[in-house]
Amino acid sequence: MLVTDKEEYYERACVLGHYERIPKLKSPHYRKYYNPEKVQVPTCFGFKYRMHPIAAAIARVQLKHIDEWNRVRRRNLAYLTERLTADRGVRATV
């Protein structure tokens, strides 16, 4: 599953796996790779990693909680970083 609000990432992903969407992309940089007369296109790998419908339904529900889960992860990271660097002389790289 790809979730992004960056148009550049979306267009790159389309070029990798959705050849039929290339003519509809906004960026001329990616549209230039569409040539219906050619059998093979150098940039399009044709990846078709389709998510199973049940997995998509589960992910859709779980994504509603992602902000809270990320807050907990950041809080845990801060706690561990503080404890490890203060008590054991470990240097944090994060």
PDB file of N, CA and C in Angstrom:
ATOM      1  N   MET A   1       0.844  -1.158   0.000  1.00  0.00           N
ATOM      2  CA  MET A   1       0.000   0.000   0.000  1.00  0.00           C
ATOM      3  C   MET A   1       0.897   1.231   0.000  1.00  0.00           C
ATOM      4  N   LEU A   2       0.587   2.135  -0.856  1.00  0.00           N
ATOM      5  CA  LEU A   2       1.304   3.407  -0.905  1.00  0.00           C
ATOM      6  C   LEU A   2       0.331   4.506  -0.525  1.00  0.00           C
ATOM      7  N   VAL A   3       0.667   5.241   0.498  1.00  0.00           N
ATOM      8  CA  VAL A   3      -0.139   6.378   0.924  1.00  0.00           C
ATOM      9  C   VAL A   3       0.784   7.583   0.911  1.00  0.00           C
ATOM     10  N   THR A   4       0.428   8.580   0.134  1.00  0.00           N
ATOM     11  CA  THR A   4       1.273   9.764   0.041  1.00  0.00           C
ATOM     12  C   THR A   4       0.436  10.985  -0.295  1.00  0.00           C
ATOM     13  N   ASP A   5       0.934  12.124   0.112  1.00  0.00           N
ATOM     14  CA  ASP A   5       0.325  13.376  -0.312  1.00  0.00           C
ATOM     15  C   ASP A   5       1.271  14.116  -1.259  1.00  0.00           C
ATOM     16  N   LYS A   6       2.312  13.444  -1.681  1.00  0.00           N
ATOM     17  CA  LYS A   6       3.295  14.024  -2.599  1.00  0.00           C
ATOM     18  C   LYS A   6       3.023  13.505  -4.020  1.00  0.00           C
ATOM     19  N   GLU A   7       2.685  14.432  -4.897  1.00  0.00           N
ATOM     20  CA  GLU A   7       2.363  14.053  -6.267  1.00  0.00           C
ATOM     21  C   GLU A   7       3.539  13.363  -6.964  1.00  0.00           C
ATOM     22  N   GLU A   8       4.747  13.804  -6.663  1.00  0.00           N
ATOM     23  CA  GLU A   8       5.946  13.207  -7.262  1.00  0.00           C
ATOM     24  C   GLU A   8       6.037  11.719  -6.933  1.00  0.00           C
ATOM     25  N   TYR A   9       5.786  11.352  -5.683  1.00  0.00           N
ATOM     26  CA  TYR A   9       5.849   9.937  -5.286  1.00  0.00           C
ATOM     27  C   TYR A   9       4.770   9.130  -6.000  1.00  0.00           C
ATOM     28  N   TYR A  10       3.570   9.707  -6.078  1.00  0.00           N
ATOM     29  CA  TYR A  10       2.464   9.032  -6.757  1.00  0.00           C
ATOM     30  C   TYR A  10       2.809   8.769  -8.222  1.00  0.00           C
ATOM     31  N   GLU A  11       3.343   9.784  -8.889  1.00  0.00           N
ATOM     32  CA  GLU A  11       3.654   9.625 -10.308  1.00  0.00           C
ATOM     33  C   GLU A  11       4.774   8.611 -10.522  1.00  0.00           C
ATOM     34  N   ARG A  12       5.770   8.609  -9.668  1.00  0.00           N
ATOM     35  CA  ARG A  12       6.835   7.608  -9.785  1.00  0.00           C
ATOM     36  C   ARG A  12       6.279   6.200  -9.613  1.00  0.00           C
ATOM     37  N   ALA A  13       5.382   6.035  -8.654  1.00  0.00           N
ATOM     38  CA  ALA A  13       4.779   4.722  -8.424  1.00  0.00           C
ATOM     39  C   ALA A  13       3.948   4.294  -9.628  1.00  0.00           C
ATOM     40  N   CYS A  14       3.236   5.219 -10.233  1.00  0.00           N
ATOM     41  CA  CYS A  14       2.443   4.890 -11.423  1.00  0.00           C
ATOM     42  C   CYS A  14       3.332   4.419 -12.564  1.00  0.00           C
ATOM     43  N   VAL A  15       4.460   5.069 -12.740  1.00  0.00           N
ATOM     44  CA  VAL A  15       5.374   4.682 -13.816  1.00  0.00           C
ATOM     45  C   VAL A  15       5.898   3.266 -13.594  1.00  0.00           C
ATOM     46  N   LEU A  16       6.100   2.884 -12.336  1.00  0.00           N
ATOM     47  CA  LEU A  16       6.599   1.538 -12.049  1.00  0.00           C
ATOM     48  C   LEU A  16       5.581   0.449 -12.331  1.00  0.00           C
ATOM     49  N   GLY A  17       4.316   0.715 -12.114  1.00  0.00           N
ATOM     50  CA  GLY A  17       3.383  -0.391 -12.207  1.00  0.00           C
ATOM     51  C   GLY A  17       2.089  -0.151 -12.947  1.00  0.00           C
ATOM     52  N   HIS A  18       1.808   1.062 -13.350  1.00  0.00           N
ATOM     53  CA  HIS A  18       0.524   1.345 -13.986  1.00  0.00           C
ATOM     54  C   HIS A  18       0.749   2.062 -15.313  1.00  0.00           C
ATOM     55  N   TYR A  19       1.213   1.317 -16.274  1.00  0.00           N
ATOM     56  CA  TYR A  19       1.543   1.880 -17.581  1.00  0.00           C
ATOM     57  C   TYR A  19       0.363   2.640 -18.179  1.00  0.00           C
ATOM     58  N   GLU A  20      -0.836   2.110 -17.966  1.00  0.00           N
ATOM     59  CA  GLU A  20      -2.017   2.735 -18.566  1.00  0.00           C
ATOM     60  C   GLU A  20      -2.341   4.099 -17.960  1.00  0.00           C
ATOM     61  N   ARG A  21      -1.797   4.416 -16.792  1.00  0.00           N
ATOM     62  CA  ARG A  21      -2.053   5.713 -16.145  1.00  0.00           C
ATOM     63  C   ARG A  21      -1.066   6.802 -16.578  1.00  0.00           C
ATOM     64  N   ILE A  22       0.009   6.426 -17.223  1.00  0.00           N
ATOM     65  CA  ILE A  22       1.056   7.394 -17.569  1.00  0.00           C
ATOM     66  C   ILE A  22       0.530   8.575 -18.385  1.00  0.00           C
ATOM     67  N   PRO A  23      -0.318   8.372 -19.408  1.00  0.00           N
ATOM     68  CA  PRO A  23      -0.771   9.541 -20.173  1.00  0.00           C
ATOM     69  C   PRO A  23      -1.587  10.538 -19.350  1.00  0.00           C
ATOM     70  N   LYS A  24      -2.125  10.112 -18.215  1.00  0.00           N
ATOM     71  CA  LYS A  24      -2.955  10.989 -17.386  1.00  0.00           C
ATOM     72  C   LYS A  24      -2.152  11.748 -16.327  1.00  0.00           C
ATOM     73  N   LEU A  25      -0.856  11.442 -16.206  1.00  0.00           N
ATOM     74  CA  LEU A  25      -0.034  12.103 -15.199  1.00  0.00           C
ATOM     75  C   LEU A  25       0.203  13.562 -15.564  1.00  0.00           C
ATOM     76  N   LYS A  26       0.357  14.407 -14.558  1.00  0.00           N
ATOM     77  CA  LYS A  26       0.564  15.842 -14.797  1.00  0.00           C
ATOM     78  C   LYS A  26       1.963  16.154 -15.302  1.00  0.00           C
ATOM     79  N   SER A  27       2.948  15.412 -14.817  1.00  0.00           N
ATOM     80  CA  SER A  27       4.333  15.718 -15.139  1.00  0.00           C
ATOM     81  C   SER A  27       4.708  15.247 -16.548  1.00  0.00           C
ATOM     82  N   PRO A  28       5.142  16.162 -17.414  1.00  0.00           N
ATOM     83  CA  PRO A  28       5.581  15.746 -18.749  1.00  0.00           C
ATOM     84  C   PRO A  28       6.818  14.853 -18.683  1.00  0.00           C
ATOM     85  N   HIS A  29       7.571  14.969 -17.591  1.00  0.00           N
ATOM     86  CA  HIS A  29       8.755  14.129 -17.408  1.00  0.00           C
ATOM     87  C   HIS A  29       8.378  12.648 -17.453  1.00  0.00           C
ATOM     88  N   TYR A  30       7.264  12.288 -16.857  1.00  0.00           N
ATOM     89  CA  TYR A  30       6.841  10.889 -16.837  1.00  0.00           C
ATOM     90  C   TYR A  30       5.963  10.535 -18.036  1.00  0.00           C
ATOM     91  N   ARG A  31       5.171  11.481 -18.523  1.00  0.00           N
ATOM     92  CA  ARG A  31       4.304  11.198 -19.682  1.00  0.00           C
ATOM     93  C   ARG A  31       5.113  10.847 -20.925  1.00  0.00           C
ATOM     94  N   LYS A  32       6.339  11.339 -21.009  1.00  0.00           N
ATOM     95  CA  LYS A  32       7.148  11.072 -22.204  1.00  0.00           C
ATOM     96  C   LYS A  32       7.462   9.587 -22.378  1.00  0.00           C
ATOM     97  N   TYR A  33       7.325   8.806 -21.303  1.00  0.00           N
ATOM     98  CA  TYR A  33       7.623   7.379 -21.391  1.00  0.00           C
ATOM     99  C   TYR A  33       6.480   6.565 -21.984  1.00  0.00           C
ATOM    100  N   TYR A  34       5.337   7.172 -22.167  1.00  0.00           N
ATOM    101  CA  TYR A  34       4.197   6.444 -22.712  1.00  0.00           C
ATOM    102  C   TYR A  34       4.290   6.421 -24.230  1.00  0.00           C
ATOM    103  N   ASN A  35       4.311   5.244 -24.778  1.00  0.00           N
ATOM    104  CA  ASN A  35       4.318   5.068 -26.226  1.00  0.00           C
ATOM    105  C   ASN A  35       3.521   3.811 -26.534  1.00  0.00           C
ATOM    106  N   PRO A  36       2.261   3.960 -26.924  1.00  0.00           N
ATOM    107  CA  PRO A  36       1.409   2.784 -27.132  1.00  0.00           C
ATOM    108  C   PRO A  36       1.880   1.879 -28.269  1.00  0.00           C
ATOM    109  N   GLU A  37       2.774   2.374 -29.121  1.00  0.00           N
ATOM    110  CA  GLU A  37       3.251   1.553 -30.232  1.00  0.00           C
ATOM    111  C   GLU A  37       4.380   0.618 -29.818  1.00  0.00           C
ATOM    112  N   LYS A  38       5.038   0.901 -28.717  1.00  0.00           N
ATOM    113  CA  LYS A  38       6.133   0.053 -28.243  1.00  0.00           C
ATOM    114  C   LYS A  38       5.594  -1.031 -27.322  1.00  0.00           C
ATOM    115  N   VAL A  39       6.180  -2.192 -27.440  1.00  0.00           N
ATOM    116  CA  VAL A  39       5.781  -3.292 -26.564  1.00  0.00           C
ATOM    117  C   VAL A  39       6.431  -3.129 -25.203  1.00  0.00           C
ATOM    118  N   GLN A  40       7.696  -2.712 -25.179  1.00  0.00           N
ATOM    119  CA  GLN A  40       8.407  -2.545 -23.921  1.00  0.00           C
ATOM    120  C   GLN A  40       8.751  -1.077 -23.707  1.00  0.00           C
ATOM    121  N   VAL A  41       8.642  -0.667 -22.498  1.00  0.00           N
ATOM    122  CA  VAL A  41       8.980   0.700 -22.132  1.00  0.00           C
ATOM    123  C   VAL A  41      10.094   0.628 -21.095  1.00  0.00           C
ATOM    124  N   PRO A  42      11.188   1.371 -21.267  1.00  0.00           N
ATOM    125  CA  PRO A  42      12.353   1.213 -20.401  1.00  0.00           C
ATOM    126  C   PRO A  42      12.120   1.512 -18.921  1.00  0.00           C
ATOM    127  N   THR A  43      11.185   2.375 -18.599  1.00  0.00           N
ATOM    128  CA  THR A  43      11.011   2.741 -17.191  1.00  0.00           C
ATOM    129  C   THR A  43       9.888   1.991 -16.500  1.00  0.00           C
ATOM    130  N   CYS A  44       9.052   1.334 -17.212  1.00  0.00           N
ATOM    131  CA  CYS A  44       7.887   0.689 -16.606  1.00  0.00           C
ATOM    132  C   CYS A  44       8.178  -0.783 -16.381  1.00  0.00           C
ATOM    133  N   PHE A  45       8.231  -1.161 -15.125  1.00  0.00           N
ATOM    134  CA  PHE A  45       8.534  -2.543 -14.786  1.00  0.00           C
ATOM    135  C   PHE A  45       7.292  -3.412 -14.802  1.00  0.00           C
ATOM    136  N   GLY A  46       6.132  -2.819 -14.719  1.00  0.00           N
ATOM    137  CA  GLY A  46       4.901  -3.585 -14.737  1.00  0.00           C
ATOM    138  C   GLY A  46       4.602  -4.297 -13.432  1.00  0.00           C
ATOM    139  N   PHE A  47       5.107  -3.768 -12.320  1.00  0.00           N
ATOM    140  CA  PHE A  47       4.816  -4.385 -11.027  1.00  0.00           C
ATOM    141  C   PHE A  47       3.315  -4.332 -10.772  1.00  0.00           C
ATOM    142  N   LYS A  48       2.767  -5.427 -10.364  1.00  0.00           N
ATOM    143  CA  LYS A  48       1.343  -5.483 -10.035  1.00  0.00           C
ATOM    144  C   LYS A  48       1.186  -6.163  -8.691  1.00  0.00           C
ATOM    145  N   TYR A  49       1.628  -5.502  -7.667  1.00  0.00           N
ATOM    146  CA  TYR A  49       1.489  -6.040  -6.316  1.00  0.00           C
ATOM    147  C   TYR A  49       0.146  -5.592  -5.771  1.00  0.00           C
ATOM    148  N   ARG A  50      -0.851  -6.373  -6.029  1.00  0.00           N
ATOM    149  CA  ARG A  50      -2.197  -6.030  -5.596  1.00  0.00           C
ATOM    150  C   ARG A  50      -2.440  -6.517  -4.173  1.00  0.00           C
ATOM    151  N   MET A  51      -3.025  -5.675  -3.405  1.00  0.00           N
ATOM    152  CA  MET A  51      -3.363  -6.029  -2.038  1.00  0.00           C
ATOM    153  C   MET A  51      -4.667  -6.832  -2.046  1.00  0.00           C
ATOM    154  N   HIS A  52      -4.717  -7.858  -1.228  1.00  0.00           N
ATOM    155  CA  HIS A  52      -5.937  -8.642  -1.084  1.00  0.00           C
ATOM    156  C   HIS A  52      -7.012  -7.755  -0.458  1.00  0.00           C
ATOM    157  N   PRO A  53      -8.272  -7.883  -0.870  1.00  0.00           N
ATOM    158  CA  PRO A  53      -9.328  -7.015  -0.340  1.00  0.00           C
ATOM    159  C   PRO A  53      -9.459  -7.039   1.184  1.00  0.00           C
ATOM    160  N   ILE A  54      -9.255  -8.201   1.802  1.00  0.00           N
ATOM    161  CA  ILE A  54      -9.353  -8.262   3.263  1.00  0.00           C
ATOM    162  C   ILE A  54      -8.204  -7.480   3.899  1.00  0.00           C
ATOM    163  N   ALA A  55      -7.003  -7.618   3.342  1.00  0.00           N
ATOM    164  CA  ALA A  55      -5.856  -6.862   3.857  1.00  0.00           C
ATOM    165  C   ALA A  55      -6.093  -5.362   3.690  1.00  0.00           C
ATOM    166  N   ALA A  56      -6.701  -4.961   2.588  1.00  0.00           N
ATOM    167  CA  ALA A  56      -6.996  -3.545   2.362  1.00  0.00           C
ATOM    168  C   ALA A  56      -8.010  -3.032   3.383  1.00  0.00           C
ATOM    169  N   ALA A  57      -9.005  -3.840   3.694  1.00  0.00           N
ATOM    170  CA  ALA A  57     -10.013  -3.437   4.681  1.00  0.00           C
ATOM    171  C   ALA A  57      -9.385  -3.281   6.062  1.00  0.00           C
ATOM    172  N   ILE A  58      -8.520  -4.215   6.428  1.00  0.00           N
ATOM    173  CA  ILE A  58      -7.836  -4.135   7.725  1.00  0.00           C
ATOM    174  C   ILE A  58      -6.942  -2.899   7.769  1.00  0.00           C
ATOM    175  N   ALA A  59      -6.186  -2.665   6.704  1.00  0.00           N
ATOM    176  CA  ALA A  59      -5.287  -1.507   6.650  1.00  0.00           C
ATOM    177  C   ALA A  59      -6.074  -0.204   6.741  1.00  0.00           C
ATOM    178  N   ARG A  60      -7.216  -0.164   6.100  1.00  0.00           N
ATOM    179  CA  ARG A  60      -8.034   1.052   6.124  1.00  0.00           C
ATOM    180  C   ARG A  60      -8.452   1.410   7.551  1.00  0.00           C
ATOM    181  N   VAL A  61      -8.812   0.406   8.321  1.00  0.00           N
ATOM    182  CA  VAL A  61      -9.188   0.644   9.717  1.00  0.00           C
ATOM    183  C   VAL A  61      -7.959   1.018  10.539  1.00  0.00           C
ATOM    184  N   GLN A  62      -6.861   0.310  10.329  1.00  0.00           N
ATOM    185  CA  GLN A  62      -5.658   0.577  11.114  1.00  0.00           C
ATOM    186  C   GLN A  62      -5.080   1.961  10.837  1.00  0.00           C
ATOM    187  N   LEU A  63      -5.197   2.434   9.614  1.00  0.00           N
ATOM    188  CA  LEU A  63      -4.651   3.752   9.281  1.00  0.00           C
ATOM    189  C   LEU A  63      -5.330   4.875  10.061  1.00  0.00           C
ATOM    190  N   LYS A  64      -6.530   4.631  10.555  1.00  0.00           N
ATOM    191  CA  LYS A  64      -7.208   5.642  11.367  1.00  0.00           C
ATOM    192  C   LYS A  64      -6.463   5.884  12.680  1.00  0.00           C
ATOM    193  N   HIS A  65      -5.661   4.915  13.104  1.00  0.00           N
ATOM    194  CA  HIS A  65      -4.946   5.000  14.375  1.00  0.00           C
ATOM    195  C   HIS A  65      -3.471   5.374  14.213  1.00  0.00           C
ATOM    196  N   ILE A  66      -3.014   5.584  13.006  1.00  0.00           N
ATOM    197  CA  ILE A  66      -1.583   5.747  12.748  1.00  0.00           C
ATOM    198  C   ILE A  66      -0.990   6.956  13.482  1.00  0.00           C
ATOM    199  N   ASP A  67      -1.728   8.057  13.563  1.00  0.00           N
ATOM    200  CA  ASP A  67      -1.193   9.245  14.245  1.00  0.00           C
ATOM    201  C   ASP A  67      -0.938   8.968  15.724  1.00  0.00           C
ATOM    202  N   GLU A  68      -1.882   8.313  16.376  1.00  0.00           N
ATOM    203  CA  GLU A  68      -1.702   7.979  17.794  1.00  0.00           C
ATOM    204  C   GLU A  68      -0.555   6.996  17.973  1.00  0.00           C
ATOM    205  N   TRP A  69      -0.489   5.978  17.134  1.00  0.00           N
ATOM    206  CA  TRP A  69       0.603   5.001  17.235  1.00  0.00           C
ATOM    207  C   TRP A  69       1.956   5.673  17.036  1.00  0.00           C
ATOM    208  N   ASN A  70       2.030   6.602  16.109  1.00  0.00           N
ATOM    209  CA  ASN A  70       3.293   7.315  15.882  1.00  0.00           C
ATOM    210  C   ASN A  70       3.654   8.204  17.070  1.00  0.00           C
ATOM    211  N   ARG A  71       2.657   8.816  17.713  1.00  0.00           N
ATOM    212  CA  ARG A  71       2.931   9.609  18.922  1.00  0.00           C
ATOM    213  C   ARG A  71       3.520   8.724  20.015  1.00  0.00           C
ATOM    214  N   VAL A  72       2.951   7.544  20.192  1.00  0.00           N
ATOM    215  CA  VAL A  72       3.454   6.609  21.203  1.00  0.00           C
ATOM    216  C   VAL A  72       4.878   6.179  20.853  1.00  0.00           C
ATOM    217  N   ARG A  73       5.132   5.892  19.583  1.00  0.00           N
ATOM    218  CA  ARG A  73       6.485   5.494  19.161  1.00  0.00           C
ATOM    219  C   ARG A  73       7.498   6.598  19.446  1.00  0.00           C
ATOM    220  N   ARG A  74       7.127   7.832  19.105  1.00  0.00           N
ATOM    221  CA  ARG A  74       8.042   8.957  19.351  1.00  0.00           C
ATOM    222  C   ARG A  74       8.291   9.154  20.844  1.00  0.00           C
ATOM    223  N   ARG A  75       7.235   9.021  21.640  1.00  0.00           N
ATOM    224  CA  ARG A  75       7.393   9.156  23.089  1.00  0.00           C
ATOM    225  C   ARG A  75       8.305   8.055  23.631  1.00  0.00           C
ATOM    226  N   ASN A  76       8.114   6.826  23.159  1.00  0.00           N
ATOM    227  CA  ASN A  76       8.969   5.716  23.597  1.00  0.00           C
ATOM    228  C   ASN A  76      10.419   5.934  23.178  1.00  0.00           C
ATOM    229  N   LEU A  77      10.624   6.423  21.969  1.00  0.00           N
ATOM    230  CA  LEU A  77      11.975   6.693  21.491  1.00  0.00           C
ATOM    231  C   LEU A  77      12.650   7.764  22.345  1.00  0.00           C
ATOM    232  N   ALA A  78      11.911   8.816  22.660  1.00  0.00           N
ATOM    233  CA  ALA A  78      12.477   9.880  23.500  1.00  0.00           C
ATOM    234  C   ALA A  78      12.839   9.344  24.879  1.00  0.00           C
ATOM    235  N   TYR A  79      11.972   8.524  25.438  1.00  0.00           N
ATOM    236  CA  TYR A  79      12.229   7.943  26.761  1.00  0.00           C
ATOM    237  C   TYR A  79      13.487   7.080  26.729  1.00  0.00           C
ATOM    238  N   LEU A  80      13.568   6.176  25.755  1.00  0.00           N
ATOM    239  CA  LEU A  80      14.730   5.288  25.659  1.00  0.00           C
ATOM    240  C   LEU A  80      16.013   6.067  25.394  1.00  0.00           C
ATOM    241  N   THR A  81      15.938   7.041  24.511  1.00  0.00           N
ATOM    242  CA  THR A  81      17.114   7.851  24.196  1.00  0.00           C
ATOM    243  C   THR A  81      17.615   8.575  25.439  1.00  0.00           C
ATOM    244  N   GLU A  82      16.693   9.165  26.181  1.00  0.00           N
ATOM    245  CA  GLU A  82      17.078   9.885  27.399  1.00  0.00           C
ATOM    246  C   GLU A  82      17.710   8.943  28.421  1.00  0.00           C
ATOM    247  N   ARG A  83      17.105   7.799  28.645  1.00  0.00           N
ATOM    248  CA  ARG A  83      17.608   6.857  29.652  1.00  0.00           C
ATOM    249  C   ARG A  83      18.951   6.254  29.250  1.00  0.00           C
ATOM    250  N   LEU A  84      19.069   5.856  28.010  1.00  0.00           N
ATOM    251  CA  LEU A  84      20.309   5.205  27.573  1.00  0.00           C
ATOM    252  C   LEU A  84      21.483   6.177  27.525  1.00  0.00           C
ATOM    253  N   THR A  85      21.228   7.381  27.068  1.00  0.00           N
ATOM    254  CA  THR A  85      22.336   8.337  26.955  1.00  0.00           C
ATOM    255  C   THR A  85      22.759   8.875  28.313  1.00  0.00           C
ATOM    256  N   ALA A  86      21.839   8.984  29.255  1.00  0.00           N
ATOM    257  CA  ALA A  86      22.168   9.536  30.574  1.00  0.00           C
ATOM    258  C   ALA A  86      22.838   8.512  31.477  1.00  0.00           C
ATOM    259  N   ASP A  87      22.348   7.300  31.481  1.00  0.00           N
ATOM    260  CA  ASP A  87      22.802   6.307  32.457  1.00  0.00           C
ATOM    261  C   ASP A  87      23.964   5.437  31.984  1.00  0.00           C
ATOM    262  N   ARG A  88      24.063   5.200  30.710  1.00  0.00           N
ATOM    263  CA  ARG A  88      25.047   4.230  30.237  1.00  0.00           C
ATOM    264  C   ARG A  88      26.091   4.829  29.294  1.00  0.00           C
ATOM    265  N   GLY A  89      26.013   6.101  29.079  1.00  0.00           N
ATOM    266  CA  GLY A  89      26.995   6.720  28.211  1.00  0.00           C
ATOM    267  C   GLY A  89      26.842   6.348  26.749  1.00  0.00           C
ATOM    268  N   VAL A  90      25.667   5.910  26.358  1.00  0.00           N
ATOM    269  CA  VAL A  90      25.405   5.564  24.962  1.00  0.00           C
ATOM    270  C   VAL A  90      25.109   6.850  24.201  1.00  0.00           C
ATOM    271  N   ARG A  91      25.617   6.947  22.992  1.00  0.00           N
ATOM    272  CA  ARG A  91      25.359   8.126  22.173  1.00  0.00           C
ATOM    273  C   ARG A  91      24.221   7.822  21.200  1.00  0.00           C
ATOM    274  N   ALA A  92      23.188   8.625  21.216  1.00  0.00           N
ATOM    275  CA  ALA A  92      22.034   8.428  20.336  1.00  0.00           C
ATOM    276  C   ALA A  92      22.365   8.912  18.932  1.00  0.00           C
ATOM    277  N   THR A  93      21.926   8.179  17.938  1.00  0.00           N
ATOM    278  CA  THR A  93      22.146   8.575  16.544  1.00  0.00           C
ATOM    279  C   THR A  93      20.865   9.057  15.892  1.00  0.00           C
ATOM    280  N   VAL A  94      19.789   9.107  16.637  1.00  0.00           N
ATOM    281  CA  VAL A  94      18.494   9.509  16.086  1.00  0.00           C
ATOM    282  C   VAL A  94      18.334  10.996  16.209  1.00  0.00           C
TER     283      VAL A  94
END
